[in-house]
Each structure stands twice: as C-alpha cells, then as structure tokens.
Amino acid sequence: MPGYLLHAGTTVACAHTGEVTPATGPGPGTRVKVGGFPVTVATDMYTVRHCPLPAQPGTGPCVSALWAKGASRVLAGGVPVVLSDSPSVCTPTGTPLTVQVAVQRRVRGV
C-alpha cells in the first residue's frame, strides 16, 4: 500500500512515547530531499531516549530502533526509502515506532 515518504524532519516516537532521534550520520538518502529535508532510508538507525517503560529484565525500556522494511519501488542511493506505513521495531521491546507529526503530503511511494 502506498504511503508518504518520511524525511529527517518527521517526528517519530517509540510506542511508549520515548523520543526517537537518528543515531547515524548522513546516509544514502541525504541527496534526495522532500520538503527541504533528506529522506529517511531503511538503513537509518535511531536512538530512543526517555522511554517511560520501566526497566525490566530483558524487555525495557526502548533504547534503539530500526525500520524493518522500506518502499519496494522507490530508492534513494540504492536503498529503499521509508514510508509513513513502513514497519519498524524498537530494541529490546520489539514494539513499533509511531509517526507523530510533520509527514510531508506531496510525495508518495510504494
């Protein structure tokens, strides 16, 4: 199903509302921009801060996140771009990321 392309200005959070920020530097998506921001690609890693999930043996709180799959037909630098409906996973909880705000509404991908 088509979704809007995510970019570096998109606000995302873990399922527990923890702050999610890119952990890696400029990647292959930096040359492709939407709304003036570099697109997010499937290989971008994220750090999760301030996850309110209580510390439990082996399950909490969220500390990092990765997009599990990107677009099947849209690439940036040879890497699939991330869509607003792309699956993701936080470590160690296994919960998904939630797209909060600032999704551009001009470019869609499949």
N, C-alpha and C. Protein backbone atom coordinates (compact mmCIF):
# COMPACT_ATOMS: atom_id res chain seq x y z
N MET A 1 0.84 -1.18 0.00
CA MET A 1 0.00 0.00 0.00
C MET A 1 0.88 1.24 0.00
N PRO A 2 0.56 2.25 -0.80
CA PRO A 2 1.39 3.46 -0.86
C PRO A 2 1.31 4.27 0.43
N GLY A 3 2.43 4.92 0.74
CA GLY A 3 2.49 5.79 1.90
C GLY A 3 3.34 7.00 1.57
N TYR A 4 3.28 8.01 2.41
CA TYR A 4 4.08 9.21 2.20
C TYR A 4 5.52 8.95 2.63
N LEU A 5 6.47 9.55 1.90
CA LEU A 5 7.88 9.41 2.24
C LEU A 5 8.18 10.15 3.53
N LEU A 6 8.94 9.51 4.43
CA LEU A 6 9.38 10.17 5.65
C LEU A 6 10.69 10.90 5.37
N HIS A 7 10.95 11.94 6.15
CA HIS A 7 12.18 12.71 5.99
C HIS A 7 12.77 13.03 7.35
N ALA A 8 13.93 13.66 7.36
CA ALA A 8 14.65 13.93 8.60
C ALA A 8 13.89 14.86 9.55
N GLY A 9 12.92 15.59 9.07
CA GLY A 9 12.14 16.48 9.92
C GLY A 9 10.90 15.84 10.52
N THR A 10 10.65 14.58 10.19
CA THR A 10 9.49 13.88 10.71
C THR A 10 9.72 13.51 12.18
N THR A 11 8.73 13.75 13.01
CA THR A 11 8.82 13.41 14.42
C THR A 11 8.27 12.00 14.63
N VAL A 12 9.11 11.12 15.17
CA VAL A 12 8.68 9.76 15.48
C VAL A 12 8.96 9.47 16.95
N ALA A 13 8.24 8.51 17.50
CA ALA A 13 8.40 8.13 18.90
C ALA A 13 8.27 6.62 19.01
N CYS A 14 8.77 6.07 20.11
CA CYS A 14 8.55 4.66 20.36
C CYS A 14 7.09 4.49 20.79
N ALA A 15 6.63 3.27 20.88
CA ALA A 15 5.23 3.01 21.25
C ALA A 15 4.88 3.54 22.63
N HIS A 16 5.91 3.82 23.44
CA HIS A 16 5.70 4.31 24.81
C HIS A 16 5.93 5.82 24.90
N THR A 17 6.01 6.50 23.78
CA THR A 17 6.22 7.95 23.64
C THR A 17 7.64 8.41 23.93
N GLY A 18 8.62 7.52 23.87
CA GLY A 18 10.02 7.92 24.03
C GLY A 18 10.50 8.72 22.83
N GLU A 19 11.43 9.65 23.03
CA GLU A 19 11.97 10.49 21.95
C GLU A 19 12.88 9.66 21.06
N VAL A 20 12.67 9.75 19.75
CA VAL A 20 13.47 8.99 18.79
C VAL A 20 14.24 9.97 17.92
N THR A 21 15.57 9.80 17.86
CA THR A 21 16.42 10.66 17.05
C THR A 21 17.36 9.80 16.22
N PRO A 22 17.75 10.28 15.03
CA PRO A 22 18.69 9.50 14.22
C PRO A 22 20.01 9.27 14.94
N ALA A 23 20.51 8.06 14.89
CA ALA A 23 21.77 7.72 15.55
C ALA A 23 22.94 7.74 14.58
N THR A 24 22.64 7.64 13.30
CA THR A 24 23.70 7.60 12.30
C THR A 24 23.81 8.94 11.60
N GLY A 25 24.95 9.19 11.03
CA GLY A 25 25.18 10.43 10.30
C GLY A 25 24.54 10.38 8.93
N PRO A 26 24.94 11.29 8.06
CA PRO A 26 24.36 11.34 6.73
C PRO A 26 24.51 10.00 6.01
N GLY A 27 23.42 9.54 5.47
CA GLY A 27 23.42 8.27 4.76
C GLY A 27 23.10 8.46 3.29
N PRO A 28 22.71 7.38 2.63
CA PRO A 28 22.45 7.46 1.19
C PRO A 28 21.25 8.32 0.82
N GLY A 29 20.38 8.64 1.76
CA GLY A 29 19.21 9.45 1.45
C GLY A 29 19.44 10.94 1.49
N THR A 30 20.65 11.39 1.85
CA THR A 30 20.88 12.83 2.04
C THR A 30 20.83 13.63 0.74
N ARG A 31 21.05 12.99 -0.38
CA ARG A 31 21.00 13.73 -1.65
C ARG A 31 19.57 13.90 -2.16
N VAL A 32 18.66 13.07 -1.68
CA VAL A 32 17.26 13.15 -2.10
C VAL A 32 16.48 13.87 -1.00
N LYS A 33 15.79 14.94 -1.37
CA LYS A 33 15.09 15.74 -0.36
C LYS A 33 13.62 15.89 -0.72
N VAL A 34 12.80 15.94 0.33
CA VAL A 34 11.39 16.29 0.20
C VAL A 34 11.10 17.34 1.26
N GLY A 35 10.45 18.41 0.87
CA GLY A 35 10.18 19.49 1.81
C GLY A 35 11.44 20.11 2.37
N GLY A 36 12.56 20.01 1.65
CA GLY A 36 13.82 20.58 2.11
C GLY A 36 14.61 19.70 3.06
N PHE A 37 14.09 18.52 3.41
CA PHE A 37 14.77 17.60 4.32
C PHE A 37 15.20 16.35 3.58
N PRO A 38 16.33 15.75 3.98
CA PRO A 38 16.74 14.47 3.39
C PRO A 38 15.71 13.38 3.72
N VAL A 39 15.44 12.49 2.76
CA VAL A 39 14.51 11.40 3.01
C VAL A 39 15.12 10.40 3.98
N THR A 40 14.27 9.67 4.67
CA THR A 40 14.70 8.61 5.58
C THR A 40 14.79 7.33 4.77
N VAL A 41 15.87 6.57 4.94
CA VAL A 41 16.02 5.30 4.24
C VAL A 41 16.02 4.15 5.24
N ALA A 42 15.78 2.96 4.74
CA ALA A 42 15.58 1.78 5.59
C ALA A 42 16.79 1.43 6.44
N THR A 43 17.98 1.89 6.08
CA THR A 43 19.18 1.55 6.86
C THR A 43 19.47 2.56 7.97
N ASP A 44 18.68 3.62 8.06
CA ASP A 44 18.90 4.62 9.12
C ASP A 44 18.61 4.01 10.49
N MET A 45 19.55 4.19 11.41
CA MET A 45 19.39 3.70 12.79
C MET A 45 18.92 4.86 13.66
N TYR A 46 18.20 4.54 14.73
CA TYR A 46 17.68 5.56 15.64
C TYR A 46 18.01 5.22 17.08
N THR A 47 18.15 6.26 17.89
CA THR A 47 18.33 6.12 19.33
C THR A 47 17.04 6.56 20.01
N VAL A 48 16.61 5.80 21.01
CA VAL A 48 15.39 6.14 21.75
C VAL A 48 15.82 6.66 23.12
N ARG A 49 15.34 7.85 23.48
CA ARG A 49 15.63 8.44 24.79
C ARG A 49 14.33 8.68 25.54
N HIS A 50 14.41 8.63 26.83
CA HIS A 50 13.28 8.94 27.70
C HIS A 50 12.07 8.04 27.49
N CYS A 51 12.31 6.77 27.17
CA CYS A 51 11.21 5.82 27.08
C CYS A 51 10.70 5.58 28.50
N PRO A 52 9.42 5.82 28.76
CA PRO A 52 8.90 5.69 30.12
C PRO A 52 8.64 4.25 30.58
N LEU A 53 8.87 3.28 29.72
CA LEU A 53 8.65 1.89 30.12
C LEU A 53 9.62 1.53 31.24
N PRO A 54 9.12 1.01 32.36
CA PRO A 54 10.02 0.67 33.46
C PRO A 54 11.03 -0.40 33.07
N ALA A 55 12.22 -0.28 33.63
CA ALA A 55 13.26 -1.27 33.37
C ALA A 55 12.83 -2.63 33.90
N GLN A 56 12.86 -3.62 33.03
CA GLN A 56 12.51 -4.98 33.39
C GLN A 56 13.56 -5.90 32.78
N PRO A 57 13.83 -7.02 33.39
CA PRO A 57 14.83 -7.93 32.83
C PRO A 57 14.47 -8.36 31.41
N GLY A 58 15.31 -7.96 30.45
CA GLY A 58 15.16 -8.38 29.06
C GLY A 58 14.12 -7.67 28.22
N THR A 59 13.34 -6.74 28.77
CA THR A 59 12.30 -6.14 27.94
C THR A 59 12.20 -4.63 27.94
N GLY A 60 12.84 -3.90 28.79
CA GLY A 60 12.55 -2.47 28.73
C GLY A 60 13.67 -1.64 29.27
N PRO A 61 13.65 -0.40 29.08
CA PRO A 61 12.89 0.42 28.13
C PRO A 61 13.50 0.36 26.73
N CYS A 62 12.85 1.00 25.76
CA CYS A 62 13.36 1.04 24.39
C CYS A 62 14.67 1.84 24.37
N VAL A 63 15.68 1.36 23.63
CA VAL A 63 16.95 2.07 23.54
C VAL A 63 17.36 2.39 22.10
N SER A 64 16.89 1.60 21.14
CA SER A 64 17.23 1.86 19.74
C SER A 64 16.09 1.39 18.85
N ALA A 65 16.10 1.82 17.60
CA ALA A 65 15.04 1.45 16.67
C ALA A 65 15.60 1.36 15.26
N LEU A 66 14.92 0.56 14.44
CA LEU A 66 15.32 0.36 13.05
C LEU A 66 14.06 0.12 12.23
N TRP A 67 14.03 0.65 11.02
CA TRP A 67 12.92 0.38 10.12
C TRP A 67 13.11 -1.02 9.57
N ALA A 68 12.10 -1.87 9.67
CA ALA A 68 12.19 -3.26 9.25
C ALA A 68 12.11 -3.41 7.74
N LYS A 69 11.42 -2.50 7.08
CA LYS A 69 11.23 -2.60 5.63
C LYS A 69 10.92 -1.22 5.09
N GLY A 70 11.42 -0.95 3.90
CA GLY A 70 11.13 0.31 3.23
C GLY A 70 10.27 0.10 2.01
N ALA A 71 10.23 1.09 1.15
CA ALA A 71 9.43 1.01 -0.08
C ALA A 71 9.99 -0.08 -0.99
N SER A 72 9.12 -0.69 -1.76
CA SER A 72 9.57 -1.73 -2.67
C SER A 72 9.98 -1.18 -4.03
N ARG A 73 9.51 0.03 -4.38
CA ARG A 73 9.78 0.56 -5.70
C ARG A 73 10.45 1.92 -5.72
N VAL A 74 10.75 2.51 -4.56
CA VAL A 74 11.37 3.83 -4.51
C VAL A 74 12.66 3.72 -3.71
N LEU A 75 13.77 4.10 -4.33
CA LEU A 75 15.09 4.00 -3.70
C LEU A 75 15.76 5.37 -3.67
N ALA A 76 16.64 5.57 -2.70
CA ALA A 76 17.49 6.76 -2.62
C ALA A 76 18.90 6.24 -2.37
N GLY A 77 19.80 6.47 -3.30
CA GLY A 77 21.15 5.95 -3.16
C GLY A 77 21.18 4.43 -3.16
N GLY A 78 20.22 3.80 -3.83
CA GLY A 78 20.17 2.35 -3.89
C GLY A 78 19.54 1.67 -2.69
N VAL A 79 19.02 2.46 -1.73
CA VAL A 79 18.42 1.93 -0.51
C VAL A 79 16.94 2.31 -0.49
N PRO A 80 16.04 1.39 -0.10
CA PRO A 80 14.62 1.73 -0.04
C PRO A 80 14.34 2.90 0.91
N VAL A 81 13.48 3.82 0.47
CA VAL A 81 13.07 4.92 1.34
C VAL A 81 12.02 4.41 2.32
N VAL A 82 11.84 5.13 3.43
CA VAL A 82 10.86 4.74 4.44
C VAL A 82 9.56 5.47 4.18
N LEU A 83 8.47 4.74 4.25
CA LEU A 83 7.14 5.31 4.06
C LEU A 83 6.43 5.45 5.40
N SER A 84 5.41 6.27 5.44
CA SER A 84 4.70 6.52 6.70
C SER A 84 4.07 5.26 7.28
N ASP A 85 3.87 4.23 6.45
CA ASP A 85 3.29 2.98 6.95
C ASP A 85 4.31 1.84 6.98
N SER A 86 5.61 2.16 6.88
CA SER A 86 6.65 1.13 6.92
C SER A 86 6.75 0.52 8.32
N PRO A 87 6.94 -0.80 8.40
CA PRO A 87 7.08 -1.43 9.72
C PRO A 87 8.43 -1.09 10.35
N SER A 88 8.46 -1.07 11.67
CA SER A 88 9.68 -0.76 12.41
C SER A 88 9.70 -1.58 13.69
N VAL A 89 10.86 -1.60 14.33
CA VAL A 89 10.98 -2.35 15.58
C VAL A 89 11.96 -1.64 16.52
N CYS A 90 11.56 -1.55 17.79
CA CYS A 90 12.43 -0.99 18.83
C CYS A 90 13.10 -2.13 19.58
N THR A 91 14.32 -1.89 20.02
CA THR A 91 15.06 -2.89 20.77
C THR A 91 15.17 -2.41 22.21
N PRO A 92 14.96 -3.21 23.20
CA PRO A 92 14.70 -4.65 23.21
C PRO A 92 13.23 -5.02 23.28
N THR A 93 12.31 -4.06 23.22
CA THR A 93 10.90 -4.36 23.46
C THR A 93 10.18 -5.01 22.28
N GLY A 94 10.66 -4.75 21.05
CA GLY A 94 10.00 -5.29 19.87
C GLY A 94 8.77 -4.52 19.45
N THR A 95 8.52 -3.37 20.07
CA THR A 95 7.36 -2.55 19.72
C THR A 95 7.70 -1.67 18.52
N PRO A 96 6.69 -1.16 17.80
CA PRO A 96 6.95 -0.33 16.62
C PRO A 96 7.16 1.14 16.96
N LEU A 97 7.69 1.87 15.98
CA LEU A 97 7.77 3.31 16.07
C LEU A 97 6.42 3.90 15.67
N THR A 98 6.12 5.09 16.14
CA THR A 98 4.89 5.78 15.80
C THR A 98 5.26 7.10 15.15
N VAL A 99 4.75 7.35 13.95
CA VAL A 99 4.97 8.63 13.28
C VAL A 99 4.04 9.64 13.92
N GLN A 100 4.62 10.70 14.49
CA GLN A 100 3.84 11.69 15.25
C GLN A 100 3.33 12.83 14.36
N VAL A 101 4.24 13.63 13.82
CA VAL A 101 3.86 14.80 13.04
C VAL A 101 4.89 15.08 11.96
N ALA A 102 4.59 16.05 11.14
CA ALA A 102 5.49 16.57 10.10
C ALA A 102 5.76 15.58 8.98
N VAL A 103 4.75 14.82 8.60
CA VAL A 103 4.87 13.98 7.41
C VAL A 103 4.50 14.84 6.22
N GLN A 104 5.40 14.96 5.26
CA GLN A 104 5.08 15.77 4.08
C GLN A 104 3.98 15.06 3.29
N ARG A 105 3.15 15.81 2.62
CA ARG A 105 1.98 15.24 1.94
C ARG A 105 2.04 15.40 0.42
N ARG A 106 3.25 15.52 -0.14
CA ARG A 106 3.35 15.71 -1.58
C ARG A 106 3.87 14.49 -2.31
N VAL A 107 4.74 13.72 -1.67
CA VAL A 107 5.38 12.60 -2.36
C VAL A 107 4.97 11.30 -1.70
N ARG A 108 4.46 10.38 -2.53
CA ARG A 108 4.07 9.04 -2.05
C ARG A 108 4.91 8.01 -2.76
N GLY A 109 5.08 6.87 -2.11
CA GLY A 109 5.83 5.78 -2.69
C GLY A 109 5.14 4.45 -2.44
N VAL A 110 5.61 3.43 -3.13
CA VAL A 110 5.10 2.08 -2.97
C VAL A 110 6.23 1.16 -2.60
